[in-house]
Amino acid sequence: MYTQRTGSAERARCILNAWEHRDLASLEAELVLAHSDCAQAPGHDSEEQERLDLLDSIAEQLERGLPDVAGSPEICYRLLKHLALSGHHAAIRSKKLAVFPC
């Protein structure tokens, strides 16, 4: 578990790890840290900010379902996996397409 501000992919991995190990105390702590990371997000590019906003929403949804993590919606798990695996990368949208004149 990390205490400093962490990117969306790393935070999602931490939440998934606690969830998969059925460690309720760690999961609760990771969800609190997710809220903290999302609240302290200024300075991130727009793509990372969107990912952090999604992570914050997932954390809120999971907190409503605690302590019954096994009954949490499958969509939260799938979205966390997506965030954890995709990580930060250069935005495709920033590249100009040759077929569109500037």
C-alpha atoms as a PDB file:
ATOM      1  CA  MET A   1       0.000   0.000   0.000  1.00  0.00           C
ATOM      2  CA  TYR A   2       1.333   3.448  -0.971  1.00  0.00           C
ATOM      3  CA  THR A   3       0.842   6.713   0.876  1.00  0.00           C
ATOM      4  CA  GLN A   4       2.029   9.227  -1.741  1.00  0.00           C
ATOM      5  CA  ARG A   5       0.062  10.344  -4.788  1.00  0.00           C
ATOM      6  CA  THR A   6      -0.001   7.497  -7.279  1.00  0.00           C
ATOM      7  CA  GLY A   7      -1.139   7.269 -10.892  1.00  0.00           C
ATOM      8  CA  SER A   8      -4.429   5.683 -11.854  1.00  0.00           C
ATOM      9  CA  ALA A   9      -2.887   2.444 -13.152  1.00  0.00           C
ATOM     10  CA  GLU A  10      -0.846   1.813 -10.007  1.00  0.00           C
ATOM     11  CA  ARG A  11      -3.736   2.702  -7.698  1.00  0.00           C
ATOM     12  CA  ALA A  12      -6.059   0.361  -9.662  1.00  0.00           C
ATOM     13  CA  ARG A  13      -3.490  -2.447  -9.286  1.00  0.00           C
ATOM     14  CA  CYS A  14      -3.344  -1.855  -5.530  1.00  0.00           C
ATOM     15  CA  ILE A  15      -7.136  -1.999  -5.215  1.00  0.00           C
ATOM     16  CA  LEU A  16      -7.291  -5.160  -7.333  1.00  0.00           C
ATOM     17  CA  ASN A  17      -4.585  -6.809  -5.245  1.00  0.00           C
ATOM     18  CA  ALA A  18      -6.491  -6.162  -2.007  1.00  0.00           C
ATOM     19  CA  TRP A  19      -9.764  -7.282  -3.625  1.00  0.00           C
ATOM     20  CA  GLU A  20      -8.308 -10.501  -5.048  1.00  0.00           C
ATOM     21  CA  HIS A  21      -6.738 -11.365  -1.684  1.00  0.00           C
ATOM     22  CA  ARG A  22     -10.065 -10.646   0.078  1.00  0.00           C
ATOM     23  CA  ASP A  23      -8.179  -8.334   2.448  1.00  0.00           C
ATOM     24  CA  LEU A  24     -10.992  -6.038   3.591  1.00  0.00           C
ATOM     25  CA  ALA A  25      -8.788  -3.742   5.705  1.00  0.00           C
ATOM     26  CA  SER A  26      -6.328  -3.184   2.849  1.00  0.00           C
ATOM     27  CA  LEU A  27      -9.160  -2.723   0.375  1.00  0.00           C
ATOM     28  CA  GLU A  28     -10.764  -0.042   2.539  1.00  0.00           C
ATOM     29  CA  ALA A  29      -7.399   1.709   2.897  1.00  0.00           C
ATOM     30  CA  GLU A  30      -6.752   1.570  -0.858  1.00  0.00           C
ATOM     31  CA  LEU A  31     -10.189   3.036  -1.597  1.00  0.00           C
ATOM     32  CA  VAL A  32      -9.475   5.937   0.771  1.00  0.00           C
ATOM     33  CA  LEU A  33      -6.122   6.485  -0.948  1.00  0.00           C
ATOM     34  CA  ALA A  34      -7.855   6.427  -4.342  1.00  0.00           C
ATOM     35  CA  HIS A  35     -10.101   9.285  -3.218  1.00  0.00           C
ATOM     36  CA  SER A  36      -7.061  11.172  -1.947  1.00  0.00           C
ATOM     37  CA  ASP A  37      -5.126  10.656  -5.200  1.00  0.00           C
ATOM     38  CA  CYS A  38      -8.117  11.805  -7.236  1.00  0.00           C
ATOM     39  CA  ALA A  39      -8.638  14.901  -5.082  1.00  0.00           C
ATOM     40  CA  GLN A  40      -4.961  15.876  -5.417  1.00  0.00           C
ATOM     41  CA  ALA A  41      -4.884  15.396  -9.178  1.00  0.00           C
ATOM     42  CA  PRO A  42      -4.066  18.906 -10.508  1.00  0.00           C
ATOM     43  CA  GLY A  43      -1.206  18.867 -12.980  1.00  0.00           C
ATOM     44  CA  HIS A  44      -2.226  15.670 -14.752  1.00  0.00           C
ATOM     45  CA  ASP A  45      -3.010  15.666 -18.443  1.00  0.00           C
ATOM     46  CA  SER A  46      -6.661  15.347 -19.445  1.00  0.00           C
ATOM     47  CA  GLU A  47      -6.446  11.603 -20.151  1.00  0.00           C
ATOM     48  CA  GLU A  48      -4.985  10.819 -16.721  1.00  0.00           C
ATOM     49  CA  GLN A  49      -7.534  13.143 -15.103  1.00  0.00           C
ATOM     50  CA  GLU A  50     -10.344  11.174 -16.795  1.00  0.00           C
ATOM     51  CA  ARG A  51      -8.803   7.917 -15.573  1.00  0.00           C
ATOM     52  CA  LEU A  52      -8.559   9.300 -12.023  1.00  0.00           C
ATOM     53  CA  ASP A  53     -12.196  10.453 -12.187  1.00  0.00           C
ATOM     54  CA  LEU A  54     -13.237   6.955 -13.265  1.00  0.00           C
ATOM     55  CA  LEU A  55     -11.132   5.429 -10.484  1.00  0.00           C
ATOM     56  CA  ASP A  56     -12.776   7.739  -7.940  1.00  0.00           C
ATOM     57  CA  SER A  57     -16.239   6.667  -9.123  1.00  0.00           C
ATOM     58  CA  ILE A  58     -15.291   2.995  -8.916  1.00  0.00           C
ATOM     59  CA  ALA A  59     -13.908   3.509  -5.393  1.00  0.00           C
ATOM     60  CA  GLU A  60     -17.173   5.165  -4.306  1.00  0.00           C
ATOM     61  CA  GLN A  61     -19.212   2.309  -5.776  1.00  0.00           C
ATOM     62  CA  LEU A  62     -17.069  -0.299  -4.031  1.00  0.00           C
ATOM     63  CA  GLU A  63     -17.230   1.519  -0.701  1.00  0.00           C
ATOM     64  CA  ARG A  64     -21.034   1.345  -0.856  1.00  0.00           C
ATOM     65  CA  GLY A  65     -20.748  -2.429  -1.284  1.00  0.00           C
ATOM     66  CA  LEU A  66     -18.291  -3.124   1.552  1.00  0.00           C
ATOM     67  CA  PRO A  67     -17.955  -5.491   3.353  1.00  0.00           C
ATOM     68  CA  ASP A  68     -19.665  -7.655   0.713  1.00  0.00           C
ATOM     69  CA  VAL A  69     -16.876  -7.360  -1.879  1.00  0.00           C
ATOM     70  CA  ALA A  70     -17.845 -10.648  -3.481  1.00  0.00           C
ATOM     71  CA  GLY A  71     -21.247  -9.127  -4.261  1.00  0.00           C
ATOM     72  CA  SER A  72     -19.790  -5.986  -5.878  1.00  0.00           C
ATOM     73  CA  PRO A  73     -20.668  -5.461  -9.514  1.00  0.00           C
ATOM     74  CA  GLU A  74     -18.492  -7.262 -12.023  1.00  0.00           C
ATOM     75  CA  ILE A  75     -18.206  -4.039 -14.014  1.00  0.00           C
ATOM     76  CA  CYS A  76     -16.127  -2.435 -11.242  1.00  0.00           C
ATOM     77  CA  TYR A  77     -13.690  -5.318 -11.371  1.00  0.00           C
ATOM     78  CA  ARG A  78     -13.435  -5.164 -15.170  1.00  0.00           C
ATOM     79  CA  LEU A  79     -12.913  -1.394 -15.161  1.00  0.00           C
ATOM     80  CA  LEU A  80     -10.206  -1.697 -12.502  1.00  0.00           C
ATOM     81  CA  LYS A  81      -8.448  -4.354 -14.611  1.00  0.00           C
ATOM     82  CA  HIS A  82      -8.634  -2.069 -17.622  1.00  0.00           C
ATOM     83  CA  LEU A  83      -7.172   0.876 -15.676  1.00  0.00           C
ATOM     84  CA  ALA A  84      -4.459  -1.317 -14.155  1.00  0.00           C
ATOM     85  CA  LEU A  85      -3.368  -2.816 -17.470  1.00  0.00           C
ATOM     86  CA  SER A  86      -3.622   0.198 -19.746  1.00  0.00           C
ATOM     87  CA  GLY A  87      -1.454   2.588 -17.735  1.00  0.00           C
ATOM     88  CA  HIS A  88      -0.299   5.961 -18.982  1.00  0.00           C
ATOM     89  CA  HIS A  89       0.520   6.327 -22.650  1.00  0.00           C
ATOM     90  CA  ALA A  90       0.617   9.067 -25.224  1.00  0.00           C
ATOM     91  CA  ALA A  91      -2.862  10.114 -26.266  1.00  0.00           C
ATOM     92  CA  ILE A  92      -3.837   9.032 -29.761  1.00  0.00           C
ATOM     93  CA  ARG A  93      -6.042  12.107 -30.063  1.00  0.00           C
ATOM     94  CA  SER A  94      -3.031  14.415 -29.975  1.00  0.00           C
ATOM     95  CA  LYS A  95      -1.736  13.163 -33.330  1.00  0.00           C
ATOM     96  CA  LYS A  96      -2.989  15.002 -36.395  1.00  0.00           C
ATOM     97  CA  LEU A  97      -4.369  12.788 -39.113  1.00  0.00           C
ATOM     98  CA  ALA A  98      -2.846  13.359 -42.561  1.00  0.00           C
ATOM     99  CA  VAL A  99      -6.258  13.196 -44.276  1.00  0.00           C
ATOM    100  CA  PHE A 100      -7.490  16.295 -42.434  1.00  0.00           C
ATOM    101  CA  PRO A 101      -5.781  19.532 -43.471  1.00  0.00           C
ATOM    102  CA  CYS A 102      -4.837  21.893 -40.664  1.00  0.00           C
END
